[in-house]
Amino acid sequence: MWPYLQGIAIGGGLIIAIGAQNAFVLSQGIRRNYALQTAVICSLCDAVLILAGVSGIGRLIAASGLLTRLASWLGALFLLWYGSRSFCSALRGGRLEDSALVITSRRKMLLMTLALTLLNPHVYIDTIILIGGISGQLAAAERLQFAGGAMTASVLWFFSLSLGAGLLAPLFRSRLAWRCLDGLVCLMMWSIALSLLWPQLRQLSG
């Protein structure tokens, strides 16, 4: 059981860190807007990426500078766009019932969740490279237990975040609360985008 518990601890520590994916799950949970479906997709994506990391794919991705740069640029552009939507919503001061960021179909929810998950290089760093790298120190039989622990942490976190956020819905019926949430999401998305772009811009200027 030790590799499994180690996977829960390490996976949980990486996943719980505030990021674009968590901010999106939180806002979906508060809106009660495809909240459970969002948690399911995030958990499944994490499971696939964790298994990819444990299988050794992470080392190949980390060694490709082109893939790393491409993921950084695409992820940053998407986060800048999503942050601008939150910024406009914060200026308008939406409410729980009429927020501009409400997703109106399962298809849009699926595409938005996949984009926030798969276009963010931090997700690959946490799941494929870090978790995959740590699992490489374990025996072959223990790697799957470690991966299972990390996936368990992912499921527990996303469903707790999604369901727990729904309890805050009454608070977010006011325009001020929504402005604060949308402003926080905007700052989160733009700060992550900047952290992705800054190393690339320094390389270009150098």
N, C-alpha and C. Protein backbone atom coordinates (compact mmCIF):
# COMPACT_ATOMS: atom_id res chain seq x y z
N MET A 1 0.81 -1.22 0.00
CA MET A 1 0.00 0.00 0.00
C MET A 1 0.84 1.27 0.00
N TRP A 2 2.13 1.17 0.36
CA TRP A 2 2.93 2.40 0.47
C TRP A 2 3.04 3.15 -0.85
N PRO A 3 3.32 2.51 -1.99
CA PRO A 3 3.36 3.27 -3.26
C PRO A 3 2.03 3.95 -3.57
N TYR A 4 0.91 3.28 -3.24
CA TYR A 4 -0.41 3.87 -3.48
C TYR A 4 -0.60 5.13 -2.64
N LEU A 5 -0.26 5.05 -1.35
CA LEU A 5 -0.40 6.20 -0.46
C LEU A 5 0.56 7.32 -0.88
N GLN A 6 1.75 6.93 -1.32
CA GLN A 6 2.70 7.92 -1.81
C GLN A 6 2.16 8.63 -3.04
N GLY A 7 1.48 7.88 -3.91
CA GLY A 7 0.88 8.47 -5.09
C GLY A 7 -0.22 9.45 -4.73
N ILE A 8 -1.03 9.12 -3.71
CA ILE A 8 -2.08 10.04 -3.26
C ILE A 8 -1.47 11.33 -2.73
N ALA A 9 -0.42 11.21 -1.93
CA ALA A 9 0.19 12.38 -1.32
C ALA A 9 0.84 13.29 -2.37
N ILE A 10 1.64 12.70 -3.24
CA ILE A 10 2.34 13.50 -4.25
C ILE A 10 1.37 14.03 -5.30
N GLY A 11 0.49 13.16 -5.78
CA GLY A 11 -0.50 13.59 -6.77
C GLY A 11 -1.40 14.68 -6.22
N GLY A 12 -1.85 14.52 -4.98
CA GLY A 12 -2.69 15.54 -4.37
C GLY A 12 -1.97 16.86 -4.21
N GLY A 13 -0.72 16.82 -3.81
CA GLY A 13 0.05 18.05 -3.63
C GLY A 13 0.22 18.82 -4.93
N LEU A 14 0.36 18.10 -6.04
CA LEU A 14 0.52 18.76 -7.34
C LEU A 14 -0.81 19.26 -7.90
N ILE A 15 -1.87 18.47 -7.75
CA ILE A 15 -3.15 18.80 -8.35
C ILE A 15 -3.85 19.93 -7.61
N ILE A 16 -3.72 19.96 -6.27
CA ILE A 16 -4.44 20.95 -5.47
C ILE A 16 -3.90 22.36 -5.70
N ALA A 17 -2.67 22.48 -6.15
CA ALA A 17 -2.12 23.82 -6.40
C ALA A 17 -3.04 24.59 -7.34
N ILE A 18 -3.30 25.87 -7.00
CA ILE A 18 -4.22 26.69 -7.76
C ILE A 18 -3.72 26.86 -9.19
N GLY A 19 -4.59 26.61 -10.15
CA GLY A 19 -4.23 26.75 -11.55
C GLY A 19 -5.45 27.01 -12.40
N ALA A 20 -5.25 27.08 -13.71
CA ALA A 20 -6.34 27.40 -14.62
C ALA A 20 -7.45 26.35 -14.56
N GLN A 21 -7.05 25.09 -14.51
CA GLN A 21 -8.03 24.00 -14.49
C GLN A 21 -8.88 24.06 -13.23
N ASN A 22 -8.24 24.26 -12.08
CA ASN A 22 -8.98 24.33 -10.82
C ASN A 22 -9.90 25.54 -10.76
N ALA A 23 -9.44 26.68 -11.30
CA ALA A 23 -10.28 27.88 -11.32
C ALA A 23 -11.53 27.64 -12.17
N PHE A 24 -11.37 26.92 -13.28
CA PHE A 24 -12.51 26.63 -14.13
C PHE A 24 -13.49 25.68 -13.45
N VAL A 25 -12.98 24.62 -12.82
CA VAL A 25 -13.85 23.68 -12.11
C VAL A 25 -14.59 24.40 -10.98
N LEU A 26 -13.90 25.29 -10.27
CA LEU A 26 -14.54 26.04 -9.19
C LEU A 26 -15.68 26.90 -9.72
N SER A 27 -15.43 27.64 -10.80
CA SER A 27 -16.47 28.52 -11.34
C SER A 27 -17.65 27.71 -11.88
N GLN A 28 -17.38 26.56 -12.50
CA GLN A 28 -18.46 25.70 -12.98
C GLN A 28 -19.28 25.14 -11.81
N GLY A 29 -18.60 24.80 -10.72
CA GLY A 29 -19.30 24.27 -9.55
C GLY A 29 -20.20 25.31 -8.91
N ILE A 30 -19.71 26.54 -8.81
CA ILE A 30 -20.52 27.61 -8.22
C ILE A 30 -21.73 27.89 -9.09
N ARG A 31 -21.55 27.87 -10.41
CA ARG A 31 -22.67 28.11 -11.32
C ARG A 31 -23.61 26.91 -11.41
N ARG A 32 -23.14 25.75 -10.92
CA ARG A 32 -23.88 24.49 -11.09
C ARG A 32 -24.17 24.27 -12.57
N ASN A 33 -23.15 24.52 -13.37
CA ASN A 33 -23.23 24.49 -14.82
C ASN A 33 -22.37 23.33 -15.33
N TYR A 34 -22.98 22.15 -15.51
CA TYR A 34 -22.25 20.94 -15.91
C TYR A 34 -21.09 20.67 -14.96
N ALA A 35 -21.34 20.85 -13.67
CA ALA A 35 -20.26 20.74 -12.69
C ALA A 35 -19.70 19.32 -12.61
N LEU A 36 -20.58 18.31 -12.49
CA LEU A 36 -20.10 16.93 -12.36
C LEU A 36 -19.43 16.46 -13.64
N GLN A 37 -19.99 16.84 -14.80
CA GLN A 37 -19.37 16.44 -16.06
C GLN A 37 -17.97 17.04 -16.20
N THR A 38 -17.82 18.28 -15.75
CA THR A 38 -16.50 18.91 -15.78
C THR A 38 -15.51 18.15 -14.92
N ALA A 39 -15.94 17.75 -13.71
CA ALA A 39 -15.06 17.00 -12.82
C ALA A 39 -14.68 15.65 -13.42
N VAL A 40 -15.63 14.99 -14.09
CA VAL A 40 -15.36 13.69 -14.71
C VAL A 40 -14.30 13.84 -15.80
N ILE A 41 -14.46 14.85 -16.66
CA ILE A 41 -13.50 15.04 -17.76
C ILE A 41 -12.11 15.36 -17.23
N CYS A 42 -12.02 16.25 -16.24
CA CYS A 42 -10.72 16.58 -15.66
C CYS A 42 -10.06 15.36 -15.05
N SER A 43 -10.84 14.53 -14.34
CA SER A 43 -10.29 13.33 -13.73
C SER A 43 -9.81 12.34 -14.77
N LEU A 44 -10.59 12.16 -15.84
CA LEU A 44 -10.19 11.23 -16.90
C LEU A 44 -8.93 11.71 -17.62
N CYS A 45 -8.86 13.01 -17.89
CA CYS A 45 -7.66 13.56 -18.54
C CYS A 45 -6.43 13.34 -17.67
N ASP A 46 -6.56 13.60 -16.37
CA ASP A 46 -5.45 13.38 -15.46
C ASP A 46 -5.03 11.92 -15.45
N ALA A 47 -6.02 11.02 -15.45
CA ALA A 47 -5.72 9.59 -15.42
C ALA A 47 -4.91 9.18 -16.65
N VAL A 48 -5.32 9.66 -17.82
CA VAL A 48 -4.60 9.33 -19.06
C VAL A 48 -3.18 9.88 -19.03
N LEU A 49 -3.04 11.13 -18.58
CA LEU A 49 -1.71 11.76 -18.55
C LEU A 49 -0.81 11.11 -17.51
N ILE A 50 -1.38 10.73 -16.37
CA ILE A 50 -0.58 10.05 -15.34
C ILE A 50 -0.08 8.71 -15.85
N LEU A 51 -0.95 7.96 -16.50
CA LEU A 51 -0.53 6.67 -17.07
C LEU A 51 0.53 6.87 -18.14
N ALA A 52 0.39 7.93 -18.93
CA ALA A 52 1.41 8.22 -19.94
C ALA A 52 2.75 8.53 -19.29
N GLY A 53 2.72 9.28 -18.19
CA GLY A 53 3.95 9.60 -17.49
C GLY A 53 4.60 8.37 -16.89
N VAL A 54 3.80 7.51 -16.28
CA VAL A 54 4.33 6.30 -15.65
C VAL A 54 4.90 5.35 -16.70
N SER A 55 4.34 5.39 -17.92
CA SER A 55 4.83 4.50 -18.98
C SER A 55 6.13 4.97 -19.60
N GLY A 56 6.57 6.20 -19.27
CA GLY A 56 7.85 6.70 -19.77
C GLY A 56 7.74 7.72 -20.88
N ILE A 57 6.52 8.06 -21.30
CA ILE A 57 6.35 9.03 -22.37
C ILE A 57 6.84 10.41 -21.95
N GLY A 58 6.75 10.70 -20.66
CA GLY A 58 7.16 12.01 -20.17
C GLY A 58 8.59 12.37 -20.54
N ARG A 59 9.48 11.39 -20.52
CA ARG A 59 10.88 11.66 -20.85
C ARG A 59 11.03 12.10 -22.31
N LEU A 60 10.22 11.51 -23.20
CA LEU A 60 10.28 11.88 -24.61
C LEU A 60 9.77 13.30 -24.85
N ILE A 61 8.67 13.66 -24.16
CA ILE A 61 8.11 15.00 -24.31
C ILE A 61 9.06 16.05 -23.75
N ALA A 62 9.62 15.76 -22.58
CA ALA A 62 10.53 16.71 -21.94
C ALA A 62 11.77 16.96 -22.79
N ALA A 63 12.14 15.95 -23.59
CA ALA A 63 13.35 16.09 -24.41
C ALA A 63 13.10 16.87 -25.70
N SER A 64 11.85 17.13 -26.04
CA SER A 64 11.52 17.83 -27.28
C SER A 64 11.29 19.31 -27.01
N GLY A 65 12.24 20.13 -27.39
CA GLY A 65 12.10 21.57 -27.19
C GLY A 65 10.98 22.16 -28.03
N LEU A 66 10.77 21.61 -29.24
CA LEU A 66 9.73 22.11 -30.13
C LEU A 66 8.34 21.90 -29.52
N LEU A 67 8.07 20.69 -29.01
CA LEU A 67 6.78 20.41 -28.40
C LEU A 67 6.55 21.30 -27.18
N THR A 68 7.59 21.52 -26.40
CA THR A 68 7.46 22.36 -25.20
C THR A 68 7.12 23.79 -25.58
N ARG A 69 7.81 24.34 -26.58
CA ARG A 69 7.54 25.72 -27.00
C ARG A 69 6.15 25.86 -27.61
N LEU A 70 5.76 24.88 -28.43
CA LEU A 70 4.45 24.93 -29.07
C LEU A 70 3.34 24.89 -28.03
N ALA A 71 3.48 24.00 -27.05
CA ALA A 71 2.47 23.90 -25.99
C ALA A 71 2.40 25.19 -25.19
N SER A 72 3.54 25.81 -24.94
CA SER A 72 3.56 27.06 -24.16
C SER A 72 2.84 28.18 -24.89
N TRP A 73 3.10 28.34 -26.20
CA TRP A 73 2.46 29.41 -26.96
C TRP A 73 0.96 29.18 -27.09
N LEU A 74 0.55 27.97 -27.44
CA LEU A 74 -0.88 27.69 -27.58
C LEU A 74 -1.61 27.85 -26.25
N GLY A 75 -1.02 27.32 -25.19
CA GLY A 75 -1.65 27.44 -23.88
C GLY A 75 -1.77 28.88 -23.44
N ALA A 76 -0.72 29.68 -23.64
CA ALA A 76 -0.74 31.09 -23.23
C ALA A 76 -1.79 31.88 -23.99
N LEU A 77 -1.90 31.65 -25.30
CA LEU A 77 -2.89 32.38 -26.11
C LEU A 77 -4.30 32.03 -25.67
N PHE A 78 -4.54 30.76 -25.39
CA PHE A 78 -5.88 30.37 -24.94
C PHE A 78 -6.21 30.97 -23.58
N LEU A 79 -5.25 30.96 -22.67
CA LEU A 79 -5.49 31.52 -21.34
C LEU A 79 -5.69 33.02 -21.39
N LEU A 80 -4.99 33.72 -22.28
CA LEU A 80 -5.21 35.16 -22.45
C LEU A 80 -6.62 35.43 -22.95
N TRP A 81 -7.09 34.61 -23.88
CA TRP A 81 -8.45 34.78 -24.39
C TRP A 81 -9.48 34.50 -23.30
N TYR A 82 -9.31 33.41 -22.58
CA TYR A 82 -10.28 33.07 -21.53
C TYR A 82 -10.25 34.12 -20.42
N GLY A 83 -9.06 34.61 -20.07
CA GLY A 83 -8.96 35.66 -19.07
C GLY A 83 -9.66 36.93 -19.49
N SER A 84 -9.60 37.26 -20.80
CA SER A 84 -10.27 38.46 -21.30
C SER A 84 -11.79 38.33 -21.16
N ARG A 85 -12.31 37.11 -21.34
CA ARG A 85 -13.75 36.88 -21.14
C ARG A 85 -14.13 37.14 -19.68
N SER A 86 -13.31 36.65 -18.77
CA SER A 86 -13.59 36.87 -17.35
C SER A 86 -13.48 38.35 -17.00
N PHE A 87 -12.52 39.04 -17.62
CA PHE A 87 -12.34 40.47 -17.37
C PHE A 87 -13.59 41.24 -17.81
N CYS A 88 -14.10 40.94 -19.00
CA CYS A 88 -15.30 41.61 -19.49
C CYS A 88 -16.50 41.30 -18.60
N SER A 89 -16.60 40.05 -18.15
CA SER A 89 -17.70 39.68 -17.26
C SER A 89 -17.60 40.42 -15.93
N ALA A 90 -16.37 40.61 -15.43
CA ALA A 90 -16.19 41.34 -14.18
C ALA A 90 -16.61 42.80 -14.33
N LEU A 91 -16.31 43.39 -15.48
CA LEU A 91 -16.71 44.78 -15.72
C LEU A 91 -18.23 44.92 -15.80
N ARG A 92 -18.88 43.93 -16.42
CA ARG A 92 -20.34 43.99 -16.54
C ARG A 92 -21.03 43.70 -15.22
N GLY A 93 -20.37 42.92 -14.36
CA GLY A 93 -20.97 42.59 -13.07
C GLY A 93 -22.13 41.63 -13.20
N GLY A 94 -21.89 40.45 -13.79
CA GLY A 94 -22.95 39.46 -13.96
C GLY A 94 -23.38 38.86 -12.63
N ARG A 95 -24.41 38.04 -12.71
CA ARG A 95 -24.90 37.33 -11.54
C ARG A 95 -24.94 35.84 -11.84
N LEU A 96 -25.32 35.05 -10.84
CA LEU A 96 -25.35 33.60 -11.01
C LEU A 96 -26.25 33.20 -12.17
N GLU A 97 -27.36 33.92 -12.34
CA GLU A 97 -28.34 33.54 -13.35
C GLU A 97 -27.98 34.03 -14.74
N ASP A 98 -27.22 35.13 -14.86
CA ASP A 98 -27.01 35.72 -16.18
C ASP A 98 -25.56 35.98 -16.51
N SER A 99 -24.63 35.28 -15.84
CA SER A 99 -23.22 35.50 -16.11
C SER A 99 -22.89 35.19 -17.56
N ALA A 100 -22.04 36.02 -18.16
CA ALA A 100 -21.69 35.85 -19.58
C ALA A 100 -20.90 34.58 -19.83
N LEU A 101 -20.34 33.99 -18.78
CA LEU A 101 -19.49 32.82 -18.97
C LEU A 101 -20.22 31.50 -18.77
N VAL A 102 -21.56 31.53 -18.64
CA VAL A 102 -22.32 30.30 -18.51
C VAL A 102 -22.20 29.50 -19.81
N ILE A 103 -21.89 28.22 -19.71
CA ILE A 103 -21.75 27.35 -20.87
C ILE A 103 -23.10 26.71 -21.15
N THR A 104 -23.57 26.83 -22.39
CA THR A 104 -24.95 26.49 -22.71
C THR A 104 -25.15 25.11 -23.31
N SER A 105 -24.09 24.35 -23.53
CA SER A 105 -24.25 23.01 -24.10
C SER A 105 -23.13 22.10 -23.62
N ARG A 106 -23.40 20.79 -23.66
CA ARG A 106 -22.39 19.81 -23.25
C ARG A 106 -21.18 19.87 -24.18
N ARG A 107 -21.41 20.14 -25.46
CA ARG A 107 -20.30 20.21 -26.41
C ARG A 107 -19.36 21.35 -26.04
N LYS A 108 -19.91 22.53 -25.73
CA LYS A 108 -19.08 23.66 -25.34
C LYS A 108 -18.34 23.36 -24.04
N MET A 109 -19.04 22.72 -23.10
CA MET A 109 -18.40 22.35 -21.84
C MET A 109 -17.24 21.40 -22.08
N LEU A 110 -17.46 20.41 -22.95
CA LEU A 110 -16.41 19.43 -23.26
C LEU A 110 -15.20 20.11 -23.88
N LEU A 111 -15.44 20.96 -24.88
CA LEU A 111 -14.34 21.63 -25.57
C LEU A 111 -13.58 22.58 -24.64
N MET A 112 -14.32 23.34 -23.81
CA MET A 112 -13.67 24.28 -22.90
C MET A 112 -12.84 23.55 -21.85
N THR A 113 -13.39 22.47 -21.31
CA THR A 113 -12.66 21.71 -20.29
C THR A 113 -11.41 21.07 -20.88
N LEU A 114 -11.54 20.48 -22.06
CA LEU A 114 -10.38 19.86 -22.71
C LEU A 114 -9.31 20.91 -23.05
N ALA A 115 -9.76 22.08 -23.51
CA ALA A 115 -8.81 23.13 -23.86
C ALA A 115 -8.05 23.61 -22.63
N LEU A 116 -8.77 23.87 -21.53
CA LEU A 116 -8.10 24.35 -20.31
C LEU A 116 -7.18 23.28 -19.72
N THR A 117 -7.49 22.03 -19.98
CA THR A 117 -6.66 20.94 -19.45
C THR A 117 -5.47 20.66 -20.35
N LEU A 118 -5.72 20.46 -21.64
CA LEU A 118 -4.68 19.96 -22.54
C LEU A 118 -3.83 21.05 -23.17
N LEU A 119 -4.29 22.32 -23.14
CA LEU A 119 -3.47 23.40 -23.69
C LEU A 119 -2.62 24.08 -22.61
N ASN A 120 -2.66 23.56 -21.41
CA ASN A 120 -1.87 24.13 -20.32
C ASN A 120 -0.65 23.25 -20.05
N PRO A 121 0.55 23.71 -20.43
CA PRO A 121 1.76 22.89 -20.23
C PRO A 121 1.99 22.49 -18.78
N HIS A 122 1.46 23.27 -17.81
CA HIS A 122 1.65 22.92 -16.40
C HIS A 122 1.03 21.56 -16.07
N VAL A 123 -0.05 21.22 -16.77
CA VAL A 123 -0.69 19.93 -16.55
C VAL A 123 0.27 18.79 -16.93
N TYR A 124 0.96 18.96 -18.05
CA TYR A 124 1.91 17.94 -18.49
C TYR A 124 3.12 17.85 -17.56
N ILE A 125 3.54 19.02 -17.07
CA ILE A 125 4.68 19.03 -16.14
C ILE A 125 4.33 18.27 -14.87
N ASP A 126 3.12 18.52 -14.34
CA ASP A 126 2.71 17.87 -13.08
C ASP A 126 2.48 16.38 -13.26
N THR A 127 1.73 16.01 -14.30
CA THR A 127 1.30 14.61 -14.43
C THR A 127 2.33 13.74 -15.14
N ILE A 128 2.75 14.16 -16.34
CA ILE A 128 3.62 13.30 -17.13
C ILE A 128 5.07 13.36 -16.65
N ILE A 129 5.58 14.58 -16.46
CA ILE A 129 7.01 14.72 -16.17
C ILE A 129 7.32 14.46 -14.69
N LEU A 130 6.63 15.19 -13.79
CA LEU A 130 6.94 15.04 -12.36
C LEU A 130 6.47 13.69 -11.81
N ILE A 131 5.19 13.38 -11.97
CA ILE A 131 4.69 12.10 -11.46
C ILE A 131 5.35 10.94 -12.20
N GLY A 132 5.52 11.09 -13.52
CA GLY A 132 6.20 10.04 -14.27
C GLY A 132 7.64 9.87 -13.85
N GLY A 133 8.32 11.00 -13.59
CA GLY A 133 9.71 10.92 -13.15
C GLY A 133 9.87 10.27 -11.79
N ILE A 134 8.98 10.60 -10.86
CA ILE A 134 9.04 9.99 -9.52
C ILE A 134 8.74 8.50 -9.60
N SER A 135 7.79 8.12 -10.45
CA SER A 135 7.45 6.70 -10.56
C SER A 135 8.61 5.88 -11.12
N GLY A 136 9.50 6.54 -11.87
CA GLY A 136 10.64 5.84 -12.43
C GLY A 136 11.61 5.32 -11.38
N GLN A 137 11.51 5.84 -10.16
CA GLN A 137 12.36 5.38 -9.07
C GLN A 137 11.82 4.12 -8.40
N LEU A 138 10.60 3.73 -8.79
CA LEU A 138 9.96 2.57 -8.16
C LEU A 138 10.12 1.33 -9.03
N ALA A 139 9.91 0.17 -8.42
CA ALA A 139 9.92 -1.08 -9.17
C ALA A 139 8.72 -1.11 -10.11
N ALA A 140 8.81 -1.89 -11.17
CA ALA A 140 7.76 -1.92 -12.19
C ALA A 140 6.39 -2.23 -11.59
N ALA A 141 6.34 -3.19 -10.65
CA ALA A 141 5.05 -3.57 -10.05
C ALA A 141 4.46 -2.46 -9.19
N GLU A 142 5.32 -1.60 -8.65
CA GLU A 142 4.84 -0.54 -7.76
C GLU A 142 4.41 0.71 -8.52
N ARG A 143 4.80 0.84 -9.78
CA ARG A 143 4.46 2.04 -10.54
C ARG A 143 2.96 2.19 -10.75
N LEU A 144 2.29 1.06 -11.04
CA LEU A 144 0.84 1.13 -11.24
C LEU A 144 0.13 1.49 -9.94
N GLN A 145 0.63 0.99 -8.81
CA GLN A 145 0.04 1.38 -7.52
C GLN A 145 0.23 2.88 -7.29
N PHE A 146 1.41 3.37 -7.58
CA PHE A 146 1.69 4.79 -7.44
C PHE A 146 0.77 5.62 -8.35
N ALA A 147 0.62 5.17 -9.60
CA ALA A 147 -0.27 5.86 -10.54
C ALA A 147 -1.71 5.83 -10.05
N GLY A 148 -2.13 4.68 -9.49
CA GLY A 148 -3.48 4.57 -8.95
C GLY A 148 -3.71 5.54 -7.80
N GLY A 149 -2.71 5.73 -6.97
CA GLY A 149 -2.84 6.70 -5.88
C GLY A 149 -2.97 8.12 -6.40
N ALA A 150 -2.15 8.47 -7.40
CA ALA A 150 -2.23 9.82 -7.98
C ALA A 150 -3.58 10.05 -8.64
N MET A 151 -4.11 9.03 -9.32
CA MET A 151 -5.42 9.17 -9.96
C MET A 151 -6.53 9.28 -8.92
N THR A 152 -6.40 8.56 -7.82
CA THR A 152 -7.37 8.67 -6.73
C THR A 152 -7.40 10.09 -6.17
N ALA A 153 -6.22 10.68 -5.98
CA ALA A 153 -6.15 12.06 -5.49
C ALA A 153 -6.83 13.01 -6.46
N SER A 154 -6.64 12.78 -7.76
CA SER A 154 -7.26 13.63 -8.77
C SER A 154 -8.78 13.56 -8.70
N VAL A 155 -9.32 12.34 -8.63
CA VAL A 155 -10.78 12.16 -8.57
C VAL A 155 -11.35 12.80 -7.31
N LEU A 156 -10.73 12.55 -6.17
CA LEU A 156 -11.22 13.11 -4.91
C LEU A 156 -11.20 14.64 -4.94
N TRP A 157 -10.11 15.20 -5.49
CA TRP A 157 -9.98 16.66 -5.50
C TRP A 157 -11.02 17.31 -6.42
N PHE A 158 -11.12 16.85 -7.66
CA PHE A 158 -12.01 17.51 -8.62
C PHE A 158 -13.48 17.38 -8.22
N PHE A 159 -13.87 16.22 -7.71
CA PHE A 159 -15.27 16.08 -7.29
C PHE A 159 -15.55 16.86 -6.01
N SER A 160 -14.60 16.91 -5.09
CA SER A 160 -14.78 17.72 -3.88
C SER A 160 -14.87 19.20 -4.23
N LEU A 161 -13.99 19.65 -5.15
CA LEU A 161 -14.01 21.05 -5.56
C LEU A 161 -15.31 21.40 -6.27
N SER A 162 -15.75 20.52 -7.16
CA SER A 162 -16.96 20.78 -7.91
C SER A 162 -18.20 20.79 -7.02
N LEU A 163 -18.35 19.76 -6.18
CA LEU A 163 -19.52 19.67 -5.33
C LEU A 163 -19.48 20.70 -4.20
N GLY A 164 -18.29 20.92 -3.64
CA GLY A 164 -18.16 21.91 -2.57
C GLY A 164 -18.44 23.32 -3.04
N ALA A 165 -18.04 23.62 -4.29
CA ALA A 165 -18.25 24.96 -4.81
C ALA A 165 -19.74 25.27 -4.94
N GLY A 166 -20.55 24.23 -5.20
CA GLY A 166 -21.99 24.43 -5.32
C GLY A 166 -22.62 24.99 -4.06
N LEU A 167 -22.01 24.72 -2.91
CA LEU A 167 -22.54 25.24 -1.65
C LEU A 167 -22.39 26.75 -1.56
N LEU A 168 -21.48 27.31 -2.38
CA LEU A 168 -21.26 28.76 -2.36
C LEU A 168 -22.20 29.51 -3.30
N ALA A 169 -23.05 28.76 -4.02
CA ALA A 169 -23.92 29.40 -5.01
C ALA A 169 -24.78 30.53 -4.43
N PRO A 170 -25.40 30.36 -3.24
CA PRO A 170 -26.22 31.48 -2.71
C PRO A 170 -25.42 32.77 -2.53
N LEU A 171 -24.14 32.64 -2.16
CA LEU A 171 -23.31 33.83 -1.98
C LEU A 171 -23.12 34.58 -3.29
N PHE A 172 -23.05 33.83 -4.39
CA PHE A 172 -22.72 34.44 -5.68
C PHE A 172 -23.96 34.87 -6.47
N ARG A 173 -25.05 35.12 -5.77
CA ARG A 173 -26.21 35.70 -6.42
C ARG A 173 -26.11 37.22 -6.50
N SER A 174 -25.10 37.79 -5.87
CA SER A 174 -24.89 39.23 -5.94
C SER A 174 -23.87 39.57 -7.03
N ARG A 175 -24.02 40.74 -7.63
CA ARG A 175 -23.10 41.18 -8.68
C ARG A 175 -21.68 41.37 -8.15
N LEU A 176 -21.56 41.87 -6.91
CA LEU A 176 -20.23 42.11 -6.36
C LEU A 176 -19.45 40.82 -6.22
N ALA A 177 -20.11 39.76 -5.74
CA ALA A 177 -19.43 38.47 -5.58
C ALA A 177 -18.96 37.94 -6.92
N TRP A 178 -19.80 38.08 -7.97
CA TRP A 178 -19.40 37.60 -9.28
C TRP A 178 -18.26 38.42 -9.85
N ARG A 179 -18.28 39.71 -9.59
CA ARG A 179 -17.16 40.54 -10.06
C ARG A 179 -15.86 40.10 -9.41
N CYS A 180 -15.91 39.77 -8.13
CA CYS A 180 -14.71 39.30 -7.44
C CYS A 180 -14.24 37.98 -8.01
N LEU A 181 -15.17 37.04 -8.25
CA LEU A 181 -14.79 35.74 -8.79
C LEU A 181 -14.23 35.87 -10.20
N ASP A 182 -14.95 36.60 -11.07
CA ASP A 182 -14.47 36.76 -12.44
C ASP A 182 -13.13 37.49 -12.49
N GLY A 183 -12.97 38.49 -11.61
CA GLY A 183 -11.69 39.19 -11.55
C GLY A 183 -10.56 38.27 -11.11
N LEU A 184 -10.86 37.40 -10.13
CA LEU A 184 -9.85 36.45 -9.66
C LEU A 184 -9.47 35.46 -10.76
N VAL A 185 -10.49 34.96 -11.47
CA VAL A 185 -10.22 34.02 -12.58
C VAL A 185 -9.40 34.70 -13.66
N CYS A 186 -9.74 35.96 -13.97
CA CYS A 186 -8.98 36.72 -14.98
C CYS A 186 -7.51 36.84 -14.59
N LEU A 187 -7.26 37.25 -13.37
CA LEU A 187 -5.88 37.39 -12.90
C LEU A 187 -5.14 36.06 -12.92
N MET A 188 -5.85 34.98 -12.56
CA MET A 188 -5.24 33.66 -12.56
C MET A 188 -4.84 33.25 -13.97
N MET A 189 -5.75 33.41 -14.92
CA MET A 189 -5.47 33.00 -16.29
C MET A 189 -4.34 33.83 -16.89
N TRP A 190 -4.37 35.15 -16.69
CA TRP A 190 -3.35 36.02 -17.27
C TRP A 190 -1.98 35.78 -16.63
N SER A 191 -1.95 35.52 -15.32
CA SER A 191 -0.66 35.28 -14.66
C SER A 191 -0.04 33.97 -15.14
N ILE A 192 -0.86 32.94 -15.35
CA ILE A 192 -0.34 31.68 -15.86
C ILE A 192 0.14 31.85 -17.30
N ALA A 193 -0.63 32.61 -18.10
CA ALA A 193 -0.22 32.88 -19.48
C ALA A 193 1.12 33.61 -19.52
N LEU A 194 1.29 34.59 -18.62
CA LEU A 194 2.55 35.33 -18.58
C LEU A 194 3.71 34.41 -18.18
N SER A 195 3.45 33.51 -17.23
CA SER A 195 4.51 32.59 -16.81
C SER A 195 4.92 31.65 -17.94
N LEU A 196 3.99 31.38 -18.87
CA LEU A 196 4.32 30.53 -20.02
C LEU A 196 5.06 31.31 -21.11
N LEU A 197 4.66 32.57 -21.30
CA LEU A 197 5.24 33.37 -22.38
C LEU A 197 6.60 33.95 -22.04
N TRP A 198 6.82 34.28 -20.77
CA TRP A 198 8.03 34.99 -20.40
C TRP A 198 9.31 34.25 -20.79
N PRO A 199 9.45 32.95 -20.49
CA PRO A 199 10.68 32.26 -20.92
C PRO A 199 10.84 32.24 -22.44
N GLN A 200 9.70 32.10 -23.17
CA GLN A 200 9.79 32.07 -24.62
C GLN A 200 10.21 33.43 -25.19
N LEU A 201 9.69 34.51 -24.61
CA LEU A 201 10.05 35.86 -25.07
C LEU A 201 11.51 36.15 -24.77
N ARG A 202 11.99 35.68 -23.63
CA ARG A 202 13.40 35.89 -23.28
C ARG A 202 14.31 35.17 -24.26
N GLN A 203 13.90 33.98 -24.68
CA GLN A 203 14.70 33.24 -25.66
C GLN A 203 14.73 33.96 -27.01
N LEU A 204 13.57 34.52 -27.41
CA LEU A 204 13.53 35.24 -28.68
C LEU A 204 14.38 36.51 -28.65
N SER A 205 14.32 37.23 -27.52
CA SER A 205 15.10 38.47 -27.40
C SER A 205 16.58 38.19 -27.27
N GLY A 206 16.91 37.01 -26.72
CA GLY A 206 18.31 36.65 -26.56
C GLY A 206 18.94 36.17 -27.84
